[in-house]
Every structure is written in structure tokens, then in C-alpha cells.
Amino acid sequence: MGMNRAGGKGKVRSAAEAVSLIPDGATVGIGGFGGAAHPEGLLAALERRFLAEGHPQNLTLVYAAGQGDGTARGLNHLVHEGMLKRVVGGHWGLVPGMGRMAVEGQIEAYNIPQGVICQLFRDIAAGRPGCLTHVGLDTFVDPIHGGGRLNDRTPVGLVQRVELDGRTWLLYRAFPVHVGVIRATAADPRGNLVMDREVMTGEALAIAQAAHNGGGCVIAQVEELRDTAAPPQLVQVPGMLVDAIVVADAQEHPQTFGEQFNPAYCSTLPQGMSIATLLPPMPMSDRRIIAARAYEEIRDGDIVNLGYGMPEGAARIAAERGALDRITMTVESGPIGGVPAGGLSFGASNYPDAIVNQPSQFDFYDGGGLDIALLGAAQIDGAGNVNVSKFGPKLAGVGGFVNITQSTKKVVFCGTFTAGGLQIAVENGRLRILQEGRSPKFVREVEQLSFSAQRARLNAQQVLYVTERAVFRLVEEGLELIEVAPGIDVESQVLALMAVRPLVREVRPMAALIFEGGA
């Protein structure tokens, strides 16, 4: 393949010309987060080529964050028989067809932590043997629990246990990357890429360096070509790494899959504006109760990560309490400060203070930089283990969950006590269960080990499990029930619905303030 060393304009290609550079059997690294910084136009063109020509075949796809919308966009363009041979991915839930291929054994498939894959691109670029880290120990990613393999067809050996200086580590082994597919806002006359309208810079530089240093090619999607050279400090990927530049149509270059363009995601807070105005009050609901209780664990000065879904409500509670300027919220994609966005714009932040690249954000996380993380939980067992990644034939994947939960000082898992049809009401400060959920969340044994309670105890982490009716903490014996909502009967509405009885000593009522307020 090799490098195209022409200037920026000499590298401009149509999308069809650019994707024709991808040969059968190539290992392709693709950047993006949901729909943010994702090269949608290039993926759509790659799909058109495959449907017309039957090529490229037998690709190995490598990506960190999930990229898709659950239906047709993002990596969903690649879900065709014969197109993929192997997938190494961090999060699978946004690409359900690819998840089915993995679960049914149609492709070789690995689920590797998002942060590890980001960092592995850097290690591949640097010629190192792989990514050596503690992340993944004692989870399903650990070779003693399957090594992240999603079916029996998938070869063993991508993840290895190694001993170094008296400690056990995981080595995620490097492999060549032949093609890098990335996105930026614009290319300057030298082919330098800038990302001033993007919500993140992601792992684009690491992917480009890995592909280039392996003798491969780099294809970049942009929304415009600029006539003047970019200031060097703003260049995120230098033109020397880029072989082909494709100017995408606007509909294939949305800022996120949720919004065409929101200036708040790439701007500083206007003078005199309060960021709290972006967050309307939260109505009283099970989500509000959980968010309000989880928020109580955040201290002034904390650096925080809020997971997708249920935990996002904690930001709205912080706004109501006037605390947004006393904490720093972060997103694993790279934004620091501001208020994280939700839905199909997850990965962006409103008016962030800074945006670092995604591998560096995970360096910070993995080294213990976070004070607290609020994350979802789908299954919890009696030992305190958590599953967020696989449920029967449904493959969600772990994303950044393993990086964050294994490295953060305090972890708060957030979720309703039961799932599927739960209805509640709050009357005079007391919680009433109007209709119980169909599915228990507290099970005898989690289906997949996304969070290891044993590892958390070894790391002396504080771990809480917050639901709308009860709060548990992780202790040596497993789960301990420590709080119950006013109006809830402990025996019939908590303990009877758990597959394994928790430790019960001193149980106090959840704070009255949690059951007040709301829009």
C-alpha cells in the first residue's frame, strides 16, 4: 500500500476511490465514539463497494468505542456475510447484527476493554509487543475466564497473563494494522488534519501512526478543505501520515449521530452564562431517586466519570444543588469539564474545559486519577460481581467499563432493583412500588464477569450499589444492605427478590431529601 507523499490537494479522492485502497484480508482500525468523530461517509462507501464487487473480504476490524446507532449507521455498514473475518472491539451494543455474528460463531470475535484498544494502537505504532496493563484482571477478559473471546471459533492467545516484578499483569498482544480510517473537521493544504468542530480527537493519531508505521495507508474523512495552513498546535494528525482525503457530504458528517452540529460541544462557556441552565430539573421517578442518592457520594473537588444512561441524571441533580462548579465531570472519549451529553450524543460534553485524546484520558483513568465513577449495572450477584456486557444472545460489550471500574477510588453502580415494567410512586416522602419489574437484577451468578468484586477488595476500592429502594455496599462477605427507602418493606420488597441474601446489620433509611423535589 505505502504512503502518498503528495500535498493535501494531491491526496483528495472520492469516497469510492479511497475505499478501493482497502485490500482483502486487511486489518482495519476505525476511529469514533458512537457517531462522534466517526467516518460515516467512508463506511457507507465501503459497504457500497462490497455490495457491488464482493470486496474487500475477510477483514479484521479493530475499534475501541462502539460506533453505530443500533440500526444502519456506523459499523453496521460492515455487517455482511464474508466481509468480516475477525473483530476486536470494545463495545458491541450499537451494532446488533455484528453482535449476533459473534454470538453465533460466524466470525472470530473479541471483546476487549475500550481503553486498552486505544492504548494498543499506540503500542502497535511504537513497535512494542503489546499493551501491558492491570485492566481486565479477574474479569471475562482475563485468560483464566476466556480471554475476551466471544465464541469457540475465536483463537486463544490475544490476551496473556504475565508475571513482572512480583505482580500479575495482562498483555494484550500487538498485531499489524494495515489501514487506518479516521475523521477530522478539515484538511489544510499540506494534508494536516484539524478537529476544531469535533466533539473529540479520539484515537485518530494513534490509528494513523499504527497504520503508517506498519507500511499501510491512512484514509481520512473531512467536511472541508482549507486554503491556509493550520496553526501547528491545532494539527491533530500531521499530513505526512495521511494517504487519502475524502470530503464528505454534510449528511454523512454529522457532529454526532444525535445532532448535526451543536457549537456547545466544541466551545468554551460564554461569559456570564451558567452551565446549569442546560440541565432542566429532573421529574420525580426511579431514575431521579437513583441519581439523587448516587450524587450524595460525590464530594466537592471530585473528578467524576458518569456512565451512559441512568448515571447521567447525577449531573442534573448537581445542577439543581448548585454544585456543578465544584466538581469536574469527564467522559472517557476525552472531554474534561462541562456537562456530558446523553443519548446518541454520548461522548460529547457541553462547554468542556479541555478535550484530550482518548488514549491519554484512559491513561489518567487507569492510573487512578478518577475520584468517583457512577456507572450502570444490569446484573449483580451475591458476591458483588457485576455484568453489563452479555445477556443470553444479546451482546452489549464492556466499552470503557472495565478500565473505569478497576481503577477508580469509589465506584457507584446505579440501576433499578428489578427490570422490565417497574412502576413506582412517591407519596409524602415514601416510596410505593405500583408494579414490580419482571426481571430480577440481583442474581445468584452473573452471566459474564464485567466487574470483579474480588479484585475491587484487593484494590481497597469503595463500592456501592444504588437502587430506587435500597443501597448496598461491598464488604468482605459480599453485599451488605445499608439503606432502604421510606415505605419499603425490607423482607418482602428487597430480600425476597434477591437470589442470594445479603448481609444485614444496621439498615438506615435513605435520606428524605432524595424523595423531595422534581419537576
Protein backbone atom coordinates (compact mmCIF):
# COMPACT_ATOMS: atom_id res chain seq x y z
CA MET A 1 0.00 0.00 0.00
CA GLY A 2 2.59 2.60 1.08
CA MET A 3 2.47 6.31 1.61
CA ASN A 4 1.14 9.02 -0.68
CA ARG A 5 3.52 11.92 -0.01
CA ALA A 6 1.73 14.45 -2.22
CA GLY A 7 0.45 17.67 -0.69
CA GLY A 8 -3.04 17.89 0.72
CA LYS A 9 -4.83 18.57 -2.58
CA GLY A 10 -2.93 15.77 -4.28
CA LYS A 11 -4.40 13.32 -1.76
CA VAL A 12 -8.04 14.25 -2.29
CA ARG A 13 -10.07 11.29 -3.54
CA SER A 14 -13.68 10.35 -3.93
CA ALA A 15 -15.01 8.04 -1.26
CA ALA A 16 -15.13 5.19 -3.79
CA GLU A 17 -11.51 5.74 -4.80
CA ALA A 18 -10.38 5.89 -1.19
CA VAL A 19 -12.05 2.67 -0.03
CA SER A 20 -10.66 0.87 -3.09
CA LEU A 21 -7.31 1.10 -1.27
CA ILE A 22 -8.52 -1.47 1.28
CA PRO A 23 -7.50 -4.97 0.16
CA ASP A 24 -8.98 -8.34 1.05
CA GLY A 25 -7.74 -9.66 4.37
CA ALA A 26 -6.61 -6.29 5.71
CA THR A 27 -6.68 -5.33 9.37
CA VAL A 28 -8.58 -2.04 9.54
CA GLY A 29 -8.56 0.32 12.54
CA ILE A 30 -11.53 2.68 12.65
CA GLY A 31 -11.91 5.68 14.96
CA GLY A 32 -15.02 7.17 16.53
CA PHE A 33 -17.34 7.08 19.54
CA GLY A 34 -20.99 6.31 18.82
CA GLY A 35 -21.43 8.68 15.90
CA ALA A 36 -18.96 11.26 17.16
CA ALA A 37 -15.75 11.58 15.09
CA HIS A 38 -16.87 8.53 13.11
CA PRO A 39 -16.09 8.47 9.36
CA GLU A 40 -19.65 7.66 8.31
CA GLY A 41 -19.16 8.59 4.64
CA LEU A 42 -16.22 6.21 4.28
CA LEU A 43 -18.04 3.31 5.95
CA ALA A 44 -21.08 3.85 3.72
CA ALA A 45 -18.79 3.84 0.65
CA LEU A 46 -17.08 0.68 1.84
CA GLU A 47 -20.46 -1.01 2.13
CA ARG A 48 -21.43 0.09 -1.39
CA ARG A 49 -18.19 -1.32 -2.75
CA PHE A 50 -18.71 -4.67 -1.04
CA LEU A 51 -22.30 -4.99 -2.24
CA ALA A 52 -21.24 -4.16 -5.81
CA GLU A 53 -17.95 -6.08 -6.03
CA GLY A 54 -17.91 -8.59 -3.19
CA HIS A 55 -14.70 -6.95 -1.93
CA PRO A 56 -12.96 -6.37 0.39
CA GLN A 57 -13.44 -9.75 2.03
CA ASN A 58 -12.21 -11.29 5.28
CA LEU A 59 -11.36 -8.04 7.00
CA THR A 60 -10.14 -7.84 10.59
CA LEU A 61 -11.93 -4.89 12.20
CA VAL A 62 -10.39 -3.17 15.21
CA TYR A 63 -12.19 -0.38 17.08
CA ALA A 64 -12.27 0.95 20.62
CA ALA A 65 -15.57 2.70 21.39
CA GLY A 66 -18.85 1.45 19.96
CA GLN A 67 -19.65 3.11 16.63
CA GLY A 68 -23.22 2.95 15.41
CA ASP A 69 -26.82 3.85 16.08
CA GLY A 70 -28.26 0.39 16.69
CA THR A 71 -29.64 0.13 13.16
CA ALA A 72 -27.87 1.10 9.92
CA ARG A 73 -25.13 3.67 10.54
CA GLY A 74 -21.56 3.33 11.77
CA LEU A 75 -20.07 -0.14 11.85
CA ASN A 76 -23.47 -1.54 10.89
CA HIS A 77 -22.35 -0.90 7.29
CA LEU A 78 -19.92 -3.82 7.67
CA VAL A 79 -22.43 -6.46 8.77
CA HIS A 80 -22.40 -8.59 5.62
CA GLU A 81 -21.52 -12.24 5.23
CA GLY A 82 -17.95 -12.62 4.03
CA MET A 83 -16.93 -9.02 4.69
CA LEU A 84 -15.58 -9.63 8.19
CA LYS A 85 -13.36 -12.48 9.35
CA ARG A 86 -12.42 -11.16 12.78
CA VAL A 87 -13.48 -8.31 15.06
CA VAL A 88 -11.60 -6.88 18.03
CA GLY A 89 -13.98 -4.39 19.59
CA GLY A 90 -14.65 -2.55 22.82
CA HIS A 91 -18.43 -2.08 22.73
CA TRP A 92 -20.89 -4.04 20.60
CA GLY A 93 -24.36 -2.85 21.60
CA LEU A 94 -24.70 -0.23 18.85
CA VAL A 95 -24.01 -2.83 16.15
CA PRO A 96 -26.51 -5.62 16.96
CA GLY A 97 -26.05 -7.51 13.70
CA MET A 98 -22.33 -7.82 14.29
CA GLY A 99 -23.05 -8.97 17.84
CA ARG A 100 -25.28 -11.73 16.50
CA MET A 101 -22.50 -12.83 14.13
CA ALA A 102 -20.15 -13.05 17.11
CA VAL A 103 -22.53 -14.93 19.39
CA GLU A 104 -23.50 -17.36 16.61
CA GLY A 105 -19.85 -18.03 15.74
CA GLN A 106 -19.96 -16.65 12.20
CA ILE A 107 -16.82 -14.56 12.83
CA GLU A 108 -13.87 -14.63 15.19
CA ALA A 109 -14.66 -12.06 17.87
CA TYR A 110 -13.08 -10.49 20.93
CA ASN A 111 -14.47 -8.02 23.41
CA ILE A 112 -11.52 -6.07 24.80
CA PRO A 113 -11.77 -3.01 27.09
CA GLN A 114 -12.12 0.23 25.17
CA GLY A 115 -9.21 1.95 26.84
CA VAL A 116 -6.91 -0.99 26.17
CA ILE A 117 -7.68 -0.90 22.45
CA CYS A 118 -6.99 2.86 22.34
CA GLN A 119 -3.65 2.31 24.01
CA LEU A 120 -2.89 -0.80 21.93
CA PHE A 121 -2.99 1.33 18.76
CA ARG A 122 -0.19 3.41 20.32
CA ASP A 123 1.78 0.30 21.25
CA ILE A 124 1.42 -1.06 17.73
CA ALA A 125 2.63 2.26 16.32
CA ALA A 126 5.65 2.19 18.66
CA GLY A 127 6.64 -1.36 17.78
CA ARG A 128 6.05 -2.63 21.31
CA PRO A 129 4.95 -6.24 21.89
CA GLY A 130 1.55 -5.16 23.15
CA CYS A 131 -0.29 -3.29 25.88
CA LEU A 132 0.77 -4.34 29.39
CA THR A 133 -1.81 -3.36 32.00
CA HIS A 134 -3.75 -4.43 35.06
CA VAL A 135 -7.03 -3.67 33.28
CA GLY A 136 -9.13 -6.79 32.81
CA LEU A 137 -7.65 -8.98 35.54
CA ASP A 138 -10.24 -11.37 37.05
CA THR A 139 -12.92 -10.35 34.50
CA PHE A 140 -14.07 -12.27 31.41
CA VAL A 141 -11.19 -10.58 29.55
CA ASP A 142 -8.63 -12.42 31.71
CA PRO A 143 -7.40 -15.65 30.03
CA ILE A 144 -8.46 -17.60 33.12
CA HIS A 145 -12.05 -16.55 32.26
CA GLY A 146 -11.89 -16.78 28.47
CA GLY A 147 -9.55 -14.00 27.36
CA GLY A 148 -12.30 -11.82 25.91
CA ARG A 149 -13.22 -14.48 23.33
CA LEU A 150 -16.89 -14.34 22.35
CA ASN A 151 -17.18 -17.81 20.80
CA ASP A 152 -15.26 -21.08 20.49
CA ARG A 153 -14.18 -20.24 16.95
CA THR A 154 -12.03 -17.38 18.19
CA PRO A 155 -8.33 -18.23 18.71
CA VAL A 156 -6.82 -18.06 22.17
CA GLY A 157 -3.71 -16.01 22.88
CA LEU A 158 -4.63 -12.41 22.12
CA VAL A 159 -4.58 -11.77 25.88
CA GLN A 160 -1.94 -13.36 28.09
CA ARG A 161 -1.22 -13.37 31.82
CA VAL A 162 2.36 -12.40 32.64
CA GLU A 163 4.33 -12.02 35.87
CA LEU A 164 6.53 -8.97 36.30
CA ASP A 165 8.15 -7.67 39.49
CA GLY A 166 6.02 -9.93 41.62
CA ARG A 167 2.73 -8.77 40.12
CA THR A 168 0.33 -10.29 37.63
CA TRP A 169 -0.46 -8.28 34.50
CA LEU A 170 -2.34 -8.78 31.27
CA LEU A 171 -0.50 -8.44 27.97
CA TYR A 172 -2.78 -7.62 25.04
CA ARG A 173 -0.64 -8.66 22.13
CA ALA A 174 0.13 -6.32 19.24
CA PHE A 175 -0.67 -7.13 15.62
CA PRO A 176 -0.18 -5.21 12.35
CA VAL A 177 -2.72 -2.57 11.34
CA HIS A 178 -2.87 -2.26 7.55
CA VAL A 179 -5.43 0.51 7.10
CA GLY A 180 -6.46 3.42 9.32
CA VAL A 181 -9.87 5.01 8.72
CA ILE A 182 -10.28 8.26 10.64
CA ARG A 183 -12.14 11.54 10.60
CA ALA A 184 -11.37 15.21 11.14
CA THR A 185 -13.07 18.54 10.58
CA ALA A 186 -10.75 19.79 7.85
CA ALA A 187 -7.52 19.26 5.98
CA ASP A 188 -5.14 22.13 5.22
CA PRO A 189 -3.06 22.45 2.00
CA ARG A 190 -0.42 20.07 3.40
CA GLY A 191 -2.98 17.45 4.36
CA ASN A 192 -2.72 18.23 8.05
CA LEU A 193 -5.91 17.38 9.91
CA VAL A 194 -7.64 19.67 12.41
CA MET A 195 -10.64 18.82 14.57
CA ASP A 196 -11.98 22.15 15.74
CA ARG A 197 -15.65 21.26 15.13
CA GLU A 198 -15.39 17.72 16.51
CA VAL A 199 -16.52 16.69 19.99
CA MET A 200 -13.35 14.66 20.48
CA THR A 201 -9.98 13.89 18.93
CA GLY A 202 -10.24 10.25 19.95
CA GLU A 203 -7.54 7.80 18.93
CA ALA A 204 -7.13 9.13 15.37
CA LEU A 205 -3.42 9.92 15.74
CA ALA A 206 -2.64 6.52 17.25
CA ILE A 207 -4.51 4.71 14.46
CA ALA A 208 -2.75 6.77 11.79
CA GLN A 209 0.69 6.15 13.29
CA ALA A 210 0.00 2.41 13.66
CA ALA A 211 -1.10 2.04 10.03
CA HIS A 212 1.71 4.20 8.65
CA ASN A 213 4.47 2.52 10.66
CA GLY A 214 3.19 -0.87 9.54
CA GLY A 215 3.55 0.10 5.89
CA GLY A 216 -0.18 0.56 5.42
CA CYS A 217 -2.36 3.50 4.43
CA VAL A 218 -4.46 6.11 6.21
CA ILE A 219 -7.78 7.36 4.85
CA ALA A 220 -9.27 10.49 6.37
CA GLN A 221 -12.78 11.88 6.05
CA VAL A 222 -13.21 15.65 6.45
CA GLU A 223 -16.02 18.12 5.96
CA GLU A 224 -13.89 20.74 4.19
CA LEU A 225 -10.54 21.61 2.66
CA ARG A 226 -8.99 24.84 3.93
CA ASP A 227 -6.83 27.16 1.85
CA THR A 228 -4.48 28.26 4.62
CA ALA A 229 -2.08 26.22 6.70
CA ALA A 230 -3.40 25.24 10.11
CA PRO A 231 -1.58 26.59 13.19
CA PRO A 232 0.78 23.75 14.15
CA GLN A 233 -0.56 23.48 17.69
CA LEU A 234 -4.03 22.71 16.29
CA VAL A 235 -2.93 19.88 13.98
CA GLN A 236 -4.11 16.58 15.44
CA VAL A 237 -2.83 14.30 12.65
CA PRO A 238 0.08 15.55 10.51
CA GLY A 239 -0.33 15.30 6.75
CA MET A 240 2.73 13.07 6.41
CA LEU A 241 0.61 10.23 7.84
CA VAL A 242 -2.38 10.70 5.54
CA ASP A 243 -2.66 8.94 2.16
CA ALA A 244 -6.18 9.81 1.04
CA ILE A 245 -8.55 12.62 1.99
CA VAL A 246 -12.28 12.43 1.28
CA VAL A 247 -14.58 15.44 1.59
CA ALA A 248 -17.87 14.05 2.90
CA ASP A 249 -21.39 15.24 2.27
CA ALA A 250 -22.92 17.00 5.27
CA GLN A 251 -25.42 14.19 5.96
CA GLU A 252 -22.51 11.75 6.28
CA HIS A 253 -20.50 14.03 8.56
CA PRO A 254 -22.80 14.86 11.48
CA GLN A 255 -21.07 16.02 14.64
CA THR A 256 -22.78 13.12 16.45
CA PHE A 257 -25.50 10.68 15.43
CA GLY A 258 -27.80 12.71 17.67
CA GLU A 259 -27.15 16.20 16.25
CA GLN A 260 -25.86 17.67 13.01
CA PHE A 261 -23.91 20.36 14.86
CA ASN A 262 -24.01 21.75 18.38
CA PRO A 263 -21.49 24.55 18.99
CA ALA A 264 -21.57 23.86 22.75
CA TYR A 265 -19.62 20.64 22.18
CA CYS A 266 -16.56 22.45 20.82
CA SER A 267 -16.76 25.85 22.53
CA THR A 268 -15.97 27.45 25.85
CA LEU A 269 -18.79 28.60 28.09
CA PRO A 270 -19.95 32.11 27.06
CA GLN A 271 -19.14 34.76 29.64
CA GLY A 272 -21.98 35.32 32.07
CA MET A 273 -23.73 32.05 31.21
CA SER A 274 -24.36 29.36 33.81
CA ILE A 275 -23.96 25.83 32.55
CA ALA A 276 -26.72 24.77 34.95
CA THR A 277 -29.24 26.33 32.56
CA LEU A 278 -28.55 23.46 30.14
CA LEU A 279 -29.99 20.95 32.58
CA PRO A 280 -33.72 21.16 33.31
CA PRO A 281 -34.99 19.85 36.65
CA MET A 282 -35.49 16.09 36.74
CA PRO A 283 -39.02 14.79 37.28
CA MET A 284 -39.66 12.51 40.21
CA SER A 285 -39.06 8.95 39.02
CA ASP A 286 -36.98 5.91 39.83
CA ARG A 287 -34.21 7.49 37.74
CA ARG A 288 -34.30 10.66 39.82
CA ILE A 289 -34.20 8.74 43.10
CA ILE A 290 -31.18 6.73 41.98
CA ALA A 291 -29.40 9.80 40.59
CA ALA A 292 -30.05 11.81 43.76
CA ARG A 293 -28.74 9.04 46.01
CA ALA A 294 -25.68 8.46 43.82
CA TYR A 295 -24.97 12.20 43.78
CA GLU A 296 -24.63 12.11 47.59
CA GLU A 297 -21.39 10.16 47.14
CA ILE A 298 -19.72 12.98 45.17
CA ARG A 299 -17.58 15.39 47.18
CA ASP A 300 -16.52 18.94 46.36
CA GLY A 301 -13.40 18.85 44.23
CA ASP A 302 -14.02 15.35 42.89
CA ILE A 303 -13.06 14.32 39.36
CA VAL A 304 -16.01 12.28 38.13
CA ASN A 305 -16.92 9.89 35.34
CA LEU A 306 -20.60 9.46 34.56
CA GLY A 307 -21.59 6.37 32.60
CA TYR A 308 -24.23 6.16 29.89
CA GLY A 309 -27.91 6.14 30.85
CA MET A 310 -29.01 6.06 34.47
CA PRO A 311 -25.90 7.76 35.99
CA GLU A 312 -26.26 10.82 33.70
CA GLY A 313 -29.03 12.08 35.98
CA ALA A 314 -26.46 12.87 38.65
CA ALA A 315 -25.35 15.86 36.57
CA ARG A 316 -28.90 17.23 36.66
CA ILE A 317 -29.06 16.76 40.42
CA ALA A 318 -25.71 18.57 40.74
CA ALA A 319 -27.15 21.46 38.72
CA GLU A 320 -30.21 21.64 40.97
CA ARG A 321 -27.96 21.72 44.05
CA GLY A 322 -25.69 24.40 42.53
CA ALA A 323 -22.67 22.10 42.66
CA LEU A 324 -21.56 21.93 39.03
CA ASP A 325 -18.74 24.42 39.56
CA ARG A 326 -17.38 22.38 42.49
CA ILE A 327 -16.82 19.09 40.62
CA THR A 328 -15.16 18.15 37.33
CA MET A 329 -17.08 15.75 35.12
CA THR A 330 -15.21 13.80 32.47
CA VAL A 331 -16.07 11.46 29.61
CA GLU A 332 -13.83 8.59 28.53
CA SER A 333 -13.81 9.89 24.94
CA GLY A 334 -11.67 12.84 26.10
CA PRO A 335 -13.76 15.84 27.28
CA ILE A 336 -12.85 17.25 30.69
CA GLY A 337 -15.22 19.63 32.47
CA GLY A 338 -18.56 20.84 31.22
CA VAL A 339 -21.65 18.65 31.26
CA PRO A 340 -21.66 15.30 29.42
CA ALA A 341 -24.27 14.86 26.68
CA GLY A 342 -26.57 11.85 26.52
CA GLY A 343 -28.35 9.64 24.02
CA LEU A 344 -26.75 9.43 20.57
CA SER A 345 -24.56 12.40 21.53
CA PHE A 346 -22.92 10.49 24.40
CA GLY A 347 -19.18 11.07 24.15
CA ALA A 348 -19.60 14.83 23.84
CA SER A 349 -19.68 17.41 26.62
CA ASN A 350 -21.38 20.78 26.70
CA TYR A 351 -18.79 23.55 27.07
CA PRO A 352 -15.85 21.38 28.18
CA ASP A 353 -12.75 22.95 29.69
CA ALA A 354 -10.47 20.72 27.63
CA ILE A 355 -10.55 17.78 25.23
CA VAL A 356 -7.64 15.35 25.39
CA ASN A 357 -7.13 12.37 23.13
CA GLN A 358 -8.86 9.16 24.19
CA PRO A 359 -5.73 7.07 24.92
CA SER A 360 -4.49 9.82 27.26
CA GLN A 361 -7.85 10.01 29.01
CA PHE A 362 -7.62 6.30 29.70
CA ASP A 363 -4.03 6.69 30.93
CA PHE A 364 -5.43 9.10 33.51
CA TYR A 365 -8.28 6.76 34.40
CA ASP A 366 -6.15 3.60 34.57
CA GLY A 367 -3.66 5.27 36.89
CA GLY A 368 -6.32 6.11 39.48
CA GLY A 369 -6.98 9.73 38.50
CA LEU A 370 -10.74 9.50 38.98
CA ASP A 371 -12.15 10.09 42.45
CA ILE A 372 -15.54 8.56 41.71
CA ALA A 373 -17.39 6.87 38.85
CA LEU A 374 -21.15 6.41 38.52
CA LEU A 375 -21.96 3.53 36.20
CA GLY A 376 -24.86 1.31 35.24
CA ALA A 377 -25.35 -2.28 36.38
CA ALA A 378 -27.55 -4.87 34.68
CA GLN A 379 -26.85 -7.94 36.84
CA ILE A 380 -25.38 -8.10 40.34
CA ASP A 381 -24.65 -11.32 42.20
CA GLY A 382 -24.32 -12.11 45.88
CA ALA A 383 -20.55 -11.68 45.81
CA GLY A 384 -20.93 -8.16 44.40
CA ASN A 385 -19.81 -9.01 40.85
CA VAL A 386 -21.48 -7.05 38.05
CA ASN A 387 -22.41 -7.89 34.46
CA VAL A 388 -23.06 -5.17 31.89
CA SER A 389 -21.75 -6.92 28.81
CA LYS A 390 -23.68 -10.05 27.80
CA PHE A 391 -27.22 -11.34 28.36
CA GLY A 392 -28.13 -14.56 26.60
CA PRO A 393 -27.86 -13.90 22.85
CA LYS A 394 -27.61 -10.14 23.38
CA LEU A 395 -24.06 -8.82 23.31
CA ALA A 396 -23.54 -5.32 24.72
CA GLY A 397 -19.79 -5.36 25.30
CA VAL A 398 -17.94 -3.57 28.07
CA GLY A 399 -16.67 -0.37 26.42
CA GLY A 400 -14.68 1.60 28.98
CA PHE A 401 -16.44 -0.05 31.93
CA VAL A 402 -13.54 -2.35 32.90
CA ASN A 403 -10.94 0.43 32.73
CA ILE A 404 -13.06 2.71 34.89
CA THR A 405 -14.33 0.24 37.48
CA GLN A 406 -10.94 -1.35 38.12
CA SER A 407 -9.08 1.91 38.63
CA THR A 408 -11.39 4.42 40.34
CA LYS A 409 -11.24 5.09 44.07
CA LYS A 410 -15.01 4.93 44.58
CA VAL A 411 -17.40 3.14 42.24
CA VAL A 412 -21.18 3.62 42.45
CA PHE A 413 -23.31 1.23 40.42
CA CYS A 414 -26.71 2.66 39.52
CA GLY A 415 -29.82 0.81 38.41
CA THR A 416 -33.37 -0.12 39.31
CA PHE A 417 -33.83 -3.02 41.70
CA THR A 418 -35.81 -5.00 39.12
CA ALA A 419 -36.14 -4.51 35.36
CA GLY A 420 -38.94 -4.69 32.84
CA GLY A 421 -42.13 -2.85 33.74
CA LEU A 422 -41.19 -1.44 37.15
CA GLN A 423 -43.54 1.39 38.16
CA ILE A 424 -43.14 3.49 41.31
CA ALA A 425 -44.71 6.48 43.00
CA VAL A 426 -43.55 8.81 45.75
CA GLU A 427 -46.23 9.97 48.17
CA ASN A 428 -45.49 12.11 51.22
CA GLY A 429 -41.82 11.21 51.05
CA ARG A 430 -42.48 7.48 50.92
CA LEU A 431 -41.78 5.13 48.03
CA ARG A 432 -44.52 2.87 46.70
CA ILE A 433 -43.97 0.04 44.24
CA LEU A 434 -47.00 0.16 41.94
CA GLN A 435 -45.80 -2.64 39.69
CA GLU A 436 -42.78 -4.84 40.20
CA GLY A 437 -40.32 -5.38 37.37
CA ARG A 438 -40.44 -8.73 35.60
CA SER A 439 -36.71 -9.48 35.76
CA PRO A 440 -34.57 -9.66 38.90
CA LYS A 441 -31.30 -7.75 38.80
CA PHE A 442 -29.77 -9.39 41.89
CA VAL A 443 -28.96 -12.90 40.68
CA ARG A 444 -27.15 -15.96 42.03
CA GLU A 445 -24.34 -15.67 39.48
CA VAL A 446 -23.71 -13.07 36.81
CA GLU A 447 -23.72 -14.35 33.24
CA GLN A 448 -20.47 -12.56 32.41
CA LEU A 449 -17.92 -11.13 34.82
CA SER A 450 -17.60 -7.46 33.80
CA PHE A 451 -16.67 -6.27 37.31
CA SER A 452 -14.79 -8.44 39.78
CA ALA A 453 -15.69 -7.80 43.40
CA GLN A 454 -12.65 -9.82 44.49
CA ARG A 455 -10.34 -7.50 42.50
CA ALA A 456 -12.07 -4.44 44.00
CA ARG A 457 -11.48 -5.69 47.53
CA LEU A 458 -7.80 -6.34 46.73
CA ASN A 459 -7.56 -2.76 45.45
CA ALA A 460 -9.32 -1.39 48.58
CA GLN A 461 -11.94 0.34 46.44
CA GLN A 462 -15.17 1.69 47.89
CA VAL A 463 -18.10 0.15 46.02
CA LEU A 464 -21.80 0.98 46.37
CA TYR A 465 -24.86 -0.39 44.57
CA VAL A 466 -27.67 2.18 44.44
CA THR A 467 -31.26 1.33 43.50
CA GLU A 468 -34.51 3.22 43.94
CA ARG A 469 -35.43 1.25 47.07
CA ALA A 470 -32.19 0.03 48.63
CA VAL A 471 -28.47 0.74 48.80
CA PHE A 472 -25.78 -1.93 49.25
CA ARG A 473 -22.04 -1.76 49.78
CA LEU A 474 -19.31 -4.24 49.03
CA VAL A 475 -17.81 -5.87 52.10
CA GLU A 476 -15.58 -8.90 52.63
CA GLU A 477 -18.60 -11.22 52.83
CA GLY A 478 -20.22 -9.85 49.64
CA LEU A 479 -23.12 -7.41 49.61
CA GLU A 480 -24.32 -5.61 52.72
CA LEU A 481 -27.69 -3.88 52.79
CA ILE A 482 -27.13 -0.45 54.36
CA GLU A 483 -30.13 1.71 53.37
CA VAL A 484 -33.79 1.22 52.47
CA ALA A 485 -36.24 3.78 51.10
CA PRO A 486 -39.03 5.01 53.39
CA GLY A 487 -42.17 2.98 52.70
CA ILE A 488 -40.34 -0.16 51.58
CA ASP A 489 -40.71 -3.46 53.44
CA VAL A 490 -37.22 -4.95 53.73
CA GLU A 491 -38.26 -8.58 53.78
CA SER A 492 -40.87 -8.74 51.01
CA GLN A 493 -39.72 -5.94 48.70
CA VAL A 494 -35.94 -6.34 48.95
CA LEU A 495 -34.63 -9.58 50.45
CA ALA A 496 -37.29 -11.86 48.95
CA LEU A 497 -36.41 -10.61 45.47
CA MET A 498 -32.69 -11.37 45.73
CA ALA A 499 -31.25 -14.75 44.72
CA VAL A 500 -28.60 -14.50 47.43
CA ARG A 501 -29.38 -12.95 50.79
CA PRO A 502 -27.07 -10.02 51.60
CA LEU A 503 -25.51 -9.25 54.94
CA VAL A 504 -27.98 -7.29 57.06
CA ARG A 505 -26.73 -5.44 60.14
CA GLU A 506 -27.64 -1.79 60.67
CA VAL A 507 -30.03 -0.60 57.98
CA ARG A 508 -30.85 3.10 57.93
CA PRO A 509 -33.46 4.96 55.86
CA MET A 510 -32.36 6.63 52.64
CA ALA A 511 -32.19 10.40 53.14
CA ALA A 512 -35.53 12.24 52.97
CA LEU A 513 -34.11 14.82 50.55
CA ILE A 514 -33.83 12.11 47.87
CA PHE A 515 -37.62 11.78 47.76
CA GLU A 516 -38.31 15.51 47.53
CA GLY A 517 -38.31 17.89 44.59
CA GLY A 518 -38.50 17.09 40.92
CA ALA A 519 -40.18 18.88 38.07
